[in-house]
C-alpha atoms as a PDB file:
ATOM      1  CA  UNK A   1     -80.558 -25.581  44.353  1.00  0.00           C
ATOM      2  CA  UNK A   2     -81.742 -24.362  47.936  1.00  0.00           C
ATOM      3  CA  UNK A   3     -85.191 -24.572  48.619  1.00  0.00           C
ATOM      4  CA  UNK A   4     -87.623 -22.799  51.072  1.00  0.00           C
ATOM      5  CA  UNK A   5     -88.835 -26.357  52.426  1.00  0.00           C
ATOM      6  CA  UNK A   6     -85.506 -27.251  53.975  1.00  0.00           C
ATOM      7  CA  UNK A   7     -85.177 -28.128  57.731  1.00  0.00           C
ATOM      8  CA  UNK A   8     -83.925 -24.893  59.312  1.00  0.00           C
ATOM      9  CA  UNK A   9     -82.519 -26.961  61.868  1.00  0.00           C
ATOM     10  CA  UNK A  10     -80.148 -28.671  59.637  1.00  0.00           C
ATOM     11  CA  UNK A  11     -77.878 -25.530  60.028  1.00  0.00           C
ATOM     12  CA  UNK A  12     -77.902 -24.609  56.309  1.00  0.00           C
ATOM     13  CA  UNK A  13     -80.118 -21.388  56.486  1.00  0.00           C
ATOM     14  CA  UNK A  14     -79.051 -17.980  54.983  1.00  0.00           C
ATOM     15  CA  UNK A  15     -80.748 -15.334  56.890  1.00  0.00           C
ATOM     16  CA  UNK A  16     -79.826 -12.679  54.424  1.00  0.00           C
ATOM     17  CA  UNK A  17     -81.371 -14.284  51.461  1.00  0.00           C
ATOM     18  CA  UNK A  18     -84.005 -16.393  53.340  1.00  0.00           C
ATOM     19  CA  UNK A  19     -83.015 -19.663  51.882  1.00  0.00           C
ATOM     20  CA  UNK A  20     -82.551 -23.057  52.981  1.00  0.00           C
ATOM     21  CA  UNK A  21     -80.255 -25.544  51.693  1.00  0.00           C
ATOM     22  CA  UNK A  22     -80.622 -29.379  52.029  1.00  0.00           C
ATOM     23  CA  UNK A  23     -76.891 -30.183  52.046  1.00  0.00           C
ATOM     24  CA  UNK A  24     -73.453 -28.760  52.395  1.00  0.00           C
ATOM     25  CA  UNK A  25     -72.863 -29.085  48.778  1.00  0.00           C
ATOM     26  CA  UNK A  26     -76.238 -26.789  48.120  1.00  0.00           C
ATOM     27  CA  UNK A  27     -75.108 -24.584  50.874  1.00  0.00           C
ATOM     28  CA  UNK A  28     -71.519 -24.086  49.301  1.00  0.00           C
ATOM     29  CA  UNK A  29     -73.183 -23.359  45.998  1.00  0.00           C
ATOM     30  CA  UNK A  30     -75.480 -20.781  47.180  1.00  0.00           C
ATOM     31  CA  UNK A  31     -72.977 -18.799  49.320  1.00  0.00           C
ATOM     32  CA  UNK A  32     -70.723 -18.789  46.222  1.00  0.00           C
ATOM     33  CA  UNK A  33     -73.576 -17.706  43.971  1.00  0.00           C
ATOM     34  CA  UNK A  34     -73.278 -14.102  42.537  1.00  0.00           C
ATOM     35  CA  UNK A  35     -76.847 -13.281  43.687  1.00  0.00           C
ATOM     36  CA  UNK A  36     -75.770 -13.998  47.222  1.00  0.00           C
ATOM     37  CA  UNK A  37     -72.802 -12.053  47.106  1.00  0.00           C
ATOM     38  CA  UNK A  38     -74.434  -9.072  45.818  1.00  0.00           C
ATOM     39  CA  UNK A  39     -76.875  -9.351  48.773  1.00  0.00           C
ATOM     40  CA  UNK A  40     -73.986  -9.418  51.116  1.00  0.00           C
ATOM     41  CA  UNK A  41     -72.697  -6.018  49.853  1.00  0.00           C
ATOM     42  CA  UNK A  42     -76.142  -4.423  49.340  1.00  0.00           C
ATOM     43  CA  UNK A  43     -79.123  -3.636  51.140  1.00  0.00           C
ATOM     44  CA  UNK A  44     -82.544  -1.793  50.763  1.00  0.00           C
ATOM     45  CA  UNK A  45     -81.277   1.409  52.629  1.00  0.00           C
ATOM     46  CA  UNK A  46     -78.144   1.615  50.529  1.00  0.00           C
ATOM     47  CA  UNK A  47     -79.458   3.171  47.324  1.00  0.00           C
ATOM     48  CA  UNK A  48     -81.080   6.098  49.345  1.00  0.00           C
ATOM     49  CA  UNK A  49     -77.980   6.585  51.769  1.00  0.00           C
ATOM     50  CA  UNK A  50     -75.384   7.693  49.316  1.00  0.00           C
ATOM     51  CA  UNK A  51     -75.344  10.979  47.576  1.00  0.00           C
ATOM     52  CA  UNK A  52     -72.645  10.318  44.861  1.00  0.00           C
ATOM     53  CA  UNK A  53     -72.095   7.706  42.226  1.00  0.00           C
ATOM     54  CA  UNK A  54     -70.495   4.260  42.718  1.00  0.00           C
ATOM     55  CA  UNK A  55     -66.761   4.302  43.237  1.00  0.00           C
ATOM     56  CA  UNK A  56     -65.277   3.831  39.949  1.00  0.00           C
ATOM     57  CA  UNK A  57     -61.680   2.507  40.915  1.00  0.00           C
ATOM     58  CA  UNK A  58     -59.413   5.301  42.001  1.00  0.00           C
ATOM     59  CA  UNK A  59     -59.600   6.686  45.414  1.00  0.00           C
ATOM     60  CA  UNK A  60     -58.360  10.144  44.450  1.00  0.00           C
ATOM     61  CA  UNK A  61     -59.673  13.425  43.023  1.00  0.00           C
ATOM     62  CA  UNK A  62     -59.606  13.976  39.174  1.00  0.00           C
ATOM     63  CA  UNK A  63     -56.650  15.663  38.095  1.00  0.00           C
ATOM     64  CA  UNK A  64     -58.470  17.670  35.596  1.00  0.00           C
ATOM     65  CA  UNK A  65     -61.066  18.883  37.950  1.00  0.00           C
ATOM     66  CA  UNK A  66     -58.370  20.038  40.442  1.00  0.00           C
ATOM     67  CA  UNK A  67     -56.604  21.998  37.564  1.00  0.00           C
ATOM     68  CA  UNK A  68     -59.917  23.720  36.939  1.00  0.00           C
ATOM     69  CA  UNK A  69     -60.707  21.999  33.615  1.00  0.00           C
ATOM     70  CA  UNK A  70     -63.814  20.065  32.835  1.00  0.00           C
ATOM     71  CA  UNK A  71     -63.556  16.333  32.832  1.00  0.00           C
ATOM     72  CA  UNK A  72     -64.273  14.864  29.290  1.00  0.00           C
ATOM     73  CA  UNK A  73     -65.165  11.444  31.149  1.00  0.00           C
ATOM     74  CA  UNK A  74     -68.146  12.917  33.356  1.00  0.00           C
ATOM     75  CA  UNK A  75     -69.718  10.174  35.384  1.00  0.00           C
ATOM     76  CA  UNK A  76     -67.421   7.578  33.769  1.00  0.00           C
ATOM     77  CA  UNK A  77     -64.276   9.185  35.225  1.00  0.00           C
ATOM     78  CA  UNK A  78     -62.566   6.835  37.555  1.00  0.00           C
ATOM     79  CA  UNK A  79     -61.517   9.406  40.198  1.00  0.00           C
ATOM     80  CA  UNK A  80     -63.880  11.502  42.324  1.00  0.00           C
ATOM     81  CA  UNK A  81     -64.997  14.791  41.355  1.00  0.00           C
ATOM     82  CA  UNK A  82     -64.802  16.684  44.393  1.00  0.00           C
ATOM     83  CA  UNK A  83     -63.717  16.130  48.096  1.00  0.00           C
ATOM     84  CA  UNK A  84     -67.076  15.260  49.326  1.00  0.00           C
ATOM     85  CA  UNK A  85     -67.580  12.427  46.689  1.00  0.00           C
ATOM     86  CA  UNK A  86     -64.225  11.243  47.687  1.00  0.00           C
ATOM     87  CA  UNK A  87     -64.843  11.169  51.255  1.00  0.00           C
ATOM     88  CA  UNK A  88     -68.274   9.181  50.459  1.00  0.00           C
ATOM     89  CA  UNK A  89     -66.097   6.745  48.573  1.00  0.00           C
ATOM     90  CA  UNK A  90     -63.956   6.112  51.322  1.00  0.00           C
ATOM     91  CA  UNK A  91     -66.870   5.676  53.652  1.00  0.00           C
ATOM     92  CA  UNK A  92     -68.400   3.143  51.311  1.00  0.00           C
ATOM     93  CA  UNK A  93     -65.402   1.330  51.317  1.00  0.00           C
ATOM     94  CA  UNK A  94     -65.398   0.936  55.277  1.00  0.00           C
ATOM     95  CA  UNK A  95     -69.058  -0.014  54.993  1.00  0.00           C
ATOM     96  CA  UNK A  96     -68.314  -2.869  52.673  1.00  0.00           C
ATOM     97  CA  UNK A  97     -65.387  -4.115  54.646  1.00  0.00           C
ATOM     98  CA  UNK A  98     -67.699  -4.183  57.634  1.00  0.00           C
ATOM     99  CA  UNK A  99     -70.360  -6.199  55.746  1.00  0.00           C
ATOM    100  CA  UNK A 100     -67.774  -8.517  54.344  1.00  0.00           C
ATOM    101  CA  UNK A 101     -66.409  -9.095  58.099  1.00  0.00           C
ATOM    102  CA  UNK A 102     -69.793  -9.629  59.301  1.00  0.00           C
ATOM    103  CA  UNK A 103     -70.622 -12.263  56.316  1.00  0.00           C
ATOM    104  CA  UNK A 104     -67.421 -14.050  57.013  1.00  0.00           C
ATOM    105  CA  UNK A 105     -68.180 -14.183  61.017  1.00  0.00           C
ATOM    106  CA  UNK A 106     -71.572 -15.435  60.156  1.00  0.00           C
ATOM    107  CA  UNK A 107     -70.237 -17.863  57.711  1.00  0.00           C
ATOM    108  CA  UNK A 108     -72.130 -16.493  54.920  1.00  0.00           C
ATOM    109  CA  UNK A 109     -69.023 -16.583  52.501  1.00  0.00           C
ATOM    110  CA  UNK A 110     -66.526 -19.254  51.877  1.00  0.00           C
ATOM    111  CA  UNK A 111     -63.454 -18.613  54.073  1.00  0.00           C
ATOM    112  CA  UNK A 112     -61.068 -18.682  51.133  1.00  0.00           C
ATOM    113  CA  UNK A 113     -63.522 -16.715  48.785  1.00  0.00           C
ATOM    114  CA  UNK A 114     -62.038 -13.572  47.491  1.00  0.00           C
ATOM    115  CA  UNK A 115     -64.020 -12.974  44.161  1.00  0.00           C
ATOM    116  CA  UNK A 116     -66.562 -10.166  44.831  1.00  0.00           C
ATOM    117  CA  UNK A 117     -67.089  -9.095  41.157  1.00  0.00           C
ATOM    118  CA  UNK A 118     -67.526  -5.308  41.109  1.00  0.00           C
ATOM    119  CA  UNK A 119     -66.705  -4.856  44.635  1.00  0.00           C
ATOM    120  CA  UNK A 120     -63.143  -6.325  44.519  1.00  0.00           C
ATOM    121  CA  UNK A 121     -61.463  -3.133  43.933  1.00  0.00           C
ATOM    122  CA  UNK A 122     -63.237  -1.502  46.894  1.00  0.00           C
ATOM    123  CA  UNK A 123     -62.071  -3.869  49.383  1.00  0.00           C
ATOM    124  CA  UNK A 124     -58.428  -3.529  48.231  1.00  0.00           C
ATOM    125  CA  UNK A 125     -55.988  -1.163  50.474  1.00  0.00           C
ATOM    126  CA  UNK A 126     -55.119   2.520  49.079  1.00  0.00           C
ATOM    127  CA  UNK A 127     -51.937   1.289  47.583  1.00  0.00           C
ATOM    128  CA  UNK A 128     -53.578  -1.525  45.631  1.00  0.00           C
ATOM    129  CA  UNK A 129     -56.615   0.320  44.265  1.00  0.00           C
ATOM    130  CA  UNK A 130     -54.899   2.259  41.474  1.00  0.00           C
ATOM    131  CA  UNK A 131     -53.525  -0.937  40.031  1.00  0.00           C
ATOM    132  CA  UNK A 132     -56.912  -2.574  40.343  1.00  0.00           C
ATOM    133  CA  UNK A 133     -58.264  -1.506  37.083  1.00  0.00           C
ATOM    134  CA  UNK A 134     -58.278  -4.187  34.364  1.00  0.00           C
ATOM    135  CA  UNK A 135     -55.286  -3.546  31.906  1.00  0.00           C
ATOM    136  CA  UNK A 136     -54.421  -5.056  28.861  1.00  0.00           C
ATOM    137  CA  UNK A 137     -52.503  -8.072  28.970  1.00  0.00           C
ATOM    138  CA  UNK A 138     -48.877  -7.799  28.206  1.00  0.00           C
ATOM    139  CA  UNK A 139     -47.494  -9.418  25.022  1.00  0.00           C
ATOM    140  CA  UNK A 140     -45.804 -12.882  25.660  1.00  0.00           C
ATOM    141  CA  UNK A 141     -42.166 -12.815  25.200  1.00  0.00           C
ATOM    142  CA  UNK A 142     -41.078 -14.317  21.979  1.00  0.00           C
ATOM    143  CA  UNK A 143     -39.702 -17.851  22.318  1.00  0.00           C
ATOM    144  CA  UNK A 144     -37.122 -19.242  20.013  1.00  0.00           C
ATOM    145  CA  UNK A 145     -37.100 -22.900  19.017  1.00  0.00           C
ATOM    146  CA  UNK A 146     -35.218 -25.182  17.028  1.00  0.00           C
ATOM    147  CA  UNK A 147     -31.751 -23.601  17.779  1.00  0.00           C
END
């Protein structure tokens, strides 16, 4: 586990978390941890800077609301409930992409790491975002044996 007593000059200091690691193995464990990744994508100013809910998976306006109907899903709806909310969601995605690029540049993430939990769908391109929602697995094709 990283300690606060490690020699900063060893080169395993995470300025984002304020943690030092004593070895490359500890460093790898730290930068792959969920807690560290959460810090990569959030900051103290994030909570007060956004007016709308966290994006839910689809970067488009809610079909029901566009037709003038009430959305029964409310805050759980995967689509934006207005143009301003959609614009903010798109802005958030750009901010997260910038944070990801900076973290990679500063070597605060493993170069091949692409698992960012709840932020995964935000980092996908528009064409990929609609398919980012988890779906039920397809049934496996039946296999015939012993023929």
